[in-house]
Amino acid sequence: MNQQQHIRVVIADDQELVRAGFAMVIGSQADMEVVGQAGDGDQAVGFAQELHPDVVLMDVRMPGMDGIEATRRITGMESGSPRTGDDGTGHVTRVIILTTFDLDEYVMSAINAGASGFLLKDTEPETLLASIRTVYQGNAIIAPSATKRLIENMVEGKLAPTPQPGVSDGSGTQYTDPELAELTEREREVLIEIAHGLSNQEIADKLFISLPTVKTHVAHILAKINARDRVQAVVFAYENGLVRP
């Protein structure tokens, strides 16, 4: 990466040793730097406002403002940043939620708050670094165990505050989002593979289409279903019954 692509990271966690460990890993990379370390949500929001980092690693359970509310505030302020991207648009600060294995109840809230992905706190350093780069490039990441438990809870209805699309309310009526009808048959196929966790290249190989074509389909899918990223697309696919665990 060149200097214009230098990834600036803020770490938000109430445990100093956790912050120090992540900072050591990130600081070892030539294309990354830790620009701030926050001990709670208020500090994380303050750093985001002041420093306009590219990525925030956000713990959920912190004193005062928790990571969910901090994420909501950070993703809501992105258009006001004085930093601009190569296309001249406002700079975007993306948030990766740091989860523990049993953090089921917070996952949907984090998605709705605008999180771009989830990582387990004990993730391997290589995975952490690759995930930061992936999110920085505008994609989403989610730890496999978090994906599994998220899907299980969605299907069981534990995370749905309202009747889930694609699930009967007991009267025989099936609810689906109207955006589902906007997708072409090929776009549905691509969305199903996204929900299965396949990368763009893996989708291209499986469906025998080119990588640029897959990227075009993904862009159209996200636009049609009003999804911010692939994480929300996965949720959409499961909620609308395109995929089952």
Protein backbone atom coordinates (compact mmCIF):
# COMPACT_ATOMS: atom_id res chain seq x y z
CA MET A 1 0.00 0.00 0.00
CA ASN A 2 1.12 3.55 -0.62
CA GLN A 3 0.87 6.36 1.89
CA GLN A 4 -2.60 7.35 0.69
CA GLN A 5 -3.80 3.87 1.62
CA HIS A 6 -2.35 3.91 5.13
CA ILE A 7 -4.96 2.34 7.43
CA ARG A 8 -5.57 4.32 10.60
CA VAL A 9 -7.07 2.27 13.44
CA VAL A 10 -8.69 3.08 16.78
CA ILE A 11 -8.97 0.32 19.39
CA ALA A 12 -11.87 0.52 21.86
CA ASP A 13 -11.83 -1.93 24.78
CA ASP A 14 -12.05 -1.46 28.52
CA GLN A 15 -9.23 -3.94 29.14
CA GLU A 16 -5.82 -2.32 28.79
CA LEU A 17 -4.05 -5.62 28.10
CA VAL A 18 -6.45 -6.38 25.24
CA ARG A 19 -5.84 -2.97 23.72
CA ALA A 20 -2.09 -3.39 24.08
CA GLY A 21 -2.15 -6.78 22.42
CA PHE A 22 -4.12 -5.57 19.41
CA ALA A 23 -1.97 -2.43 19.18
CA MET A 24 1.21 -4.51 19.09
CA VAL A 25 -0.10 -6.67 16.24
CA ILE A 26 -1.42 -3.74 14.22
CA GLY A 27 1.63 -1.57 14.85
CA SER A 28 3.89 -4.23 13.37
CA GLN A 29 2.41 -3.62 9.91
CA ALA A 30 3.89 -1.09 7.50
CA ASP A 31 0.46 -0.19 6.10
CA MET A 32 -1.30 0.32 9.46
CA GLU A 33 -1.05 2.50 12.52
CA VAL A 34 -2.97 2.76 15.78
CA VAL A 35 -4.02 6.38 16.18
CA GLY A 36 -6.03 6.02 19.37
CA GLN A 37 -6.94 3.66 22.21
CA ALA A 38 -10.27 4.13 23.97
CA GLY A 39 -11.40 2.59 27.25
CA ASP A 40 -15.13 3.12 26.68
CA GLY A 41 -17.69 4.08 24.05
CA ASP A 42 -17.57 7.80 24.80
CA GLN A 43 -13.83 7.90 24.17
CA ALA A 44 -14.24 5.85 21.00
CA VAL A 45 -16.79 8.31 19.61
CA GLY A 46 -14.54 11.20 20.60
CA PHE A 47 -11.56 9.69 18.79
CA ALA A 48 -13.71 9.04 15.72
CA GLN A 49 -14.84 12.66 15.66
CA GLU A 50 -11.36 14.04 16.17
CA LEU A 51 -9.15 11.62 14.26
CA HIS A 52 -11.44 10.20 11.56
CA PRO A 53 -9.85 6.74 11.60
CA ASP A 54 -10.45 4.23 8.84
CA VAL A 55 -11.34 1.33 11.15
CA VAL A 56 -12.44 1.08 14.78
CA LEU A 57 -12.07 -2.22 16.63
CA MET A 58 -15.01 -1.99 19.04
CA ASP A 59 -15.66 -4.04 22.15
CA VAL A 60 -19.33 -4.34 23.10
CA ARG A 61 -19.31 -4.57 26.86
CA MET A 62 -17.73 -1.38 28.16
CA PRO A 63 -18.62 0.96 31.04
CA GLY A 64 -20.74 3.99 30.24
CA MET A 65 -21.64 4.04 26.56
CA ASP A 66 -21.48 0.50 25.22
CA GLY A 67 -20.02 -0.53 21.87
CA ILE A 68 -23.40 -0.79 20.13
CA GLU A 69 -24.35 2.83 20.80
CA ALA A 70 -20.81 3.98 20.02
CA THR A 71 -20.96 2.11 16.70
CA ARG A 72 -24.29 3.72 15.86
CA ARG A 73 -22.89 7.20 16.51
CA ILE A 74 -19.67 6.60 14.60
CA THR A 75 -21.33 5.16 11.49
CA GLY A 76 -23.82 8.03 11.59
CA MET A 77 -21.13 10.73 11.45
CA GLU A 78 -19.15 9.38 8.48
CA SER A 79 -20.35 11.91 5.88
CA GLY A 80 -19.14 14.87 7.92
CA SER A 81 -15.48 14.01 7.89
CA PRO A 82 -13.01 16.48 6.34
CA ARG A 83 -11.02 13.49 5.02
CA THR A 84 -12.09 12.37 1.59
CA GLY A 85 -11.56 9.24 -0.43
CA ASP A 86 -10.13 8.94 -3.89
CA ASP A 87 -13.57 9.55 -5.39
CA GLY A 88 -13.98 12.83 -3.51
CA THR A 89 -16.71 11.53 -1.21
CA GLY A 90 -16.74 11.88 2.55
CA HIS A 91 -14.42 9.61 4.51
CA VAL A 92 -16.00 6.52 6.04
CA THR A 93 -15.03 5.10 9.41
CA ARG A 94 -15.89 1.41 9.54
CA VAL A 95 -16.41 -0.56 12.74
CA ILE A 96 -15.43 -4.14 13.52
CA ILE A 97 -17.16 -5.51 16.59
CA LEU A 98 -15.03 -7.58 18.97
CA THR A 99 -17.09 -10.49 20.28
CA THR A 100 -16.73 -13.34 22.70
CA PHE A 101 -18.00 -16.76 21.72
CA ASP A 102 -21.31 -16.36 23.60
CA LEU A 103 -22.13 -12.81 22.51
CA ASP A 104 -25.33 -13.88 20.74
CA GLU A 105 -27.69 -11.19 21.96
CA TYR A 106 -25.64 -8.30 20.58
CA VAL A 107 -24.99 -9.43 17.03
CA MET A 108 -28.19 -8.20 15.38
CA SER A 109 -28.01 -4.91 17.27
CA ALA A 110 -24.47 -4.41 16.02
CA ILE A 111 -25.52 -5.06 12.43
CA ASN A 112 -28.37 -2.58 12.73
CA ALA A 113 -25.97 -0.06 14.25
CA GLY A 114 -23.80 -0.23 11.14
CA ALA A 115 -20.99 -2.61 12.07
CA SER A 116 -19.02 -3.94 9.12
CA GLY A 117 -18.13 -7.21 10.77
CA PHE A 118 -17.33 -9.29 13.80
CA LEU A 119 -14.17 -10.85 15.18
CA LEU A 120 -13.56 -13.06 18.16
CA LYS A 121 -11.18 -11.54 20.67
CA ASP A 122 -8.94 -14.59 20.50
CA THR A 123 -8.69 -14.49 16.71
CA GLU A 124 -5.31 -15.24 15.12
CA PRO A 125 -3.17 -12.15 14.36
CA GLU A 126 -3.16 -12.95 10.63
CA THR A 127 -6.95 -13.07 10.62
CA LEU A 128 -7.18 -9.79 12.52
CA LEU A 129 -4.92 -8.01 10.03
CA ALA A 130 -6.62 -9.49 6.99
CA SER A 131 -10.02 -8.49 8.41
CA ILE A 132 -8.95 -4.88 8.97
CA ARG A 133 -7.75 -4.68 5.37
CA THR A 134 -10.95 -6.28 4.09
CA VAL A 135 -13.19 -3.86 5.97
CA TYR A 136 -11.01 -0.90 4.95
CA GLN A 137 -11.61 -1.84 1.32
CA GLY A 138 -15.36 -1.60 1.86
CA ASN A 139 -16.18 -5.25 2.39
CA ALA A 140 -17.59 -6.99 5.45
CA ILE A 141 -16.23 -9.80 7.60
CA ILE A 142 -17.76 -12.06 10.19
CA ALA A 143 -16.19 -14.77 12.31
CA PRO A 144 -17.51 -18.23 11.29
CA SER A 145 -18.66 -19.05 14.83
CA ALA A 146 -20.48 -15.71 15.07
CA THR A 147 -22.14 -16.40 11.72
CA LYS A 148 -23.35 -19.81 12.86
CA ARG A 149 -24.80 -18.57 16.13
CA LEU A 150 -26.32 -15.49 14.49
CA ILE A 151 -28.12 -17.63 11.93
CA GLU A 152 -29.30 -20.14 14.52
CA ASN A 153 -30.78 -17.40 16.67
CA MET A 154 -32.40 -15.63 13.72
CA VAL A 155 -34.08 -18.82 12.56
CA GLU A 156 -35.29 -19.54 16.10
CA GLY A 157 -36.64 -15.99 16.28
CA LYS A 158 -34.54 -14.97 19.27
CA LEU A 159 -33.08 -11.88 17.58
CA ALA A 160 -36.18 -10.69 15.72
CA PRO A 161 -38.14 -7.87 17.43
CA THR A 162 -40.90 -8.21 14.81
CA PRO A 163 -42.21 -11.17 12.77
CA GLN A 164 -39.37 -12.34 10.55
CA PRO A 165 -39.76 -12.06 6.78
CA GLY A 166 -40.15 -15.47 5.25
CA VAL A 167 -41.54 -16.94 8.49
CA SER A 168 -45.20 -17.72 9.03
CA ASP A 169 -47.06 -15.83 11.76
CA GLY A 170 -49.26 -18.85 12.37
CA SER A 171 -52.02 -17.81 10.01
CA GLY A 172 -50.38 -19.28 6.93
CA THR A 173 -49.04 -15.91 5.73
CA GLN A 174 -45.42 -15.84 4.62
CA TYR A 175 -43.62 -12.52 5.10
CA THR A 176 -40.86 -11.51 2.71
CA ASP A 177 -39.24 -8.18 2.05
CA PRO A 178 -40.60 -6.53 -1.12
CA GLU A 179 -37.00 -6.01 -2.27
CA LEU A 180 -36.74 -9.77 -2.79
CA ALA A 181 -38.94 -9.51 -5.87
CA GLU A 182 -36.50 -7.00 -7.39
CA LEU A 183 -33.71 -9.56 -7.64
CA THR A 184 -33.15 -11.48 -10.86
CA GLU A 185 -32.76 -15.26 -10.73
CA ARG A 186 -28.99 -14.95 -11.12
CA GLU A 187 -28.82 -12.32 -8.38
CA ARG A 188 -30.69 -14.68 -6.06
CA GLU A 189 -28.17 -17.40 -6.84
CA VAL A 190 -25.29 -15.05 -6.02
CA LEU A 191 -27.00 -13.89 -2.82
CA ILE A 192 -27.44 -17.50 -1.69
CA GLU A 193 -23.73 -18.14 -2.18
CA ILE A 194 -22.88 -14.96 -0.26
CA ALA A 195 -25.03 -16.29 2.58
CA HIS A 196 -23.10 -19.55 2.41
CA GLY A 197 -19.94 -17.55 3.07
CA LEU A 198 -18.34 -17.80 -0.36
CA SER A 199 -15.96 -15.12 -1.58
CA ASN A 200 -16.45 -13.41 -4.93
CA GLN A 201 -13.86 -15.66 -6.55
CA GLU A 202 -15.46 -18.78 -5.11
CA ILE A 203 -18.87 -17.65 -6.38
CA ALA A 204 -17.39 -17.05 -9.84
CA ASP A 205 -15.88 -20.53 -9.87
CA LYS A 206 -19.06 -22.23 -8.66
CA LEU A 207 -21.43 -20.42 -11.02
CA PHE A 208 -19.00 -20.45 -13.97
CA ILE A 209 -19.04 -16.69 -14.43
CA SER A 210 -16.27 -14.10 -14.39
CA LEU A 211 -15.10 -12.30 -11.26
CA PRO A 212 -16.11 -8.85 -12.63
CA THR A 213 -19.57 -10.23 -13.32
CA VAL A 214 -19.86 -11.44 -9.73
CA LYS A 215 -18.79 -8.04 -8.43
CA THR A 216 -21.43 -6.40 -10.60
CA HIS A 217 -24.10 -8.77 -9.30
CA VAL A 218 -23.05 -8.13 -5.71
CA ALA A 219 -23.25 -4.36 -6.21
CA HIS A 220 -26.72 -4.68 -7.75
CA ILE A 221 -27.88 -6.96 -4.94
CA LEU A 222 -26.74 -4.61 -2.20
CA ALA A 223 -28.41 -1.68 -3.93
CA LYS A 224 -31.71 -3.50 -4.52
CA ILE A 225 -32.08 -4.84 -0.99
CA ASN A 226 -30.76 -1.64 0.63
CA ALA A 227 -27.95 -3.52 2.35
CA ARG A 228 -24.86 -1.69 3.56
CA ASP A 229 -22.57 -4.67 3.08
CA ARG A 230 -22.36 -8.45 2.81
CA VAL A 231 -23.22 -8.98 6.47
CA GLN A 232 -26.60 -7.34 5.99
CA ALA A 233 -27.04 -9.29 2.76
CA VAL A 234 -26.53 -12.54 4.68
CA VAL A 235 -29.15 -11.48 7.21
CA PHE A 236 -31.55 -10.59 4.38
CA ALA A 237 -31.06 -13.99 2.74
CA TYR A 238 -31.82 -15.91 5.93
CA GLU A 239 -34.73 -13.70 6.97
CA ASN A 240 -36.36 -14.20 3.58
CA GLY A 241 -35.91 -17.96 3.51
CA LEU A 242 -33.38 -18.11 0.66
CA VAL A 243 -31.03 -20.11 2.87
CA ARG A 244 -31.55 -22.39 5.84
CA PRO A 245 -28.96 -23.64 8.33
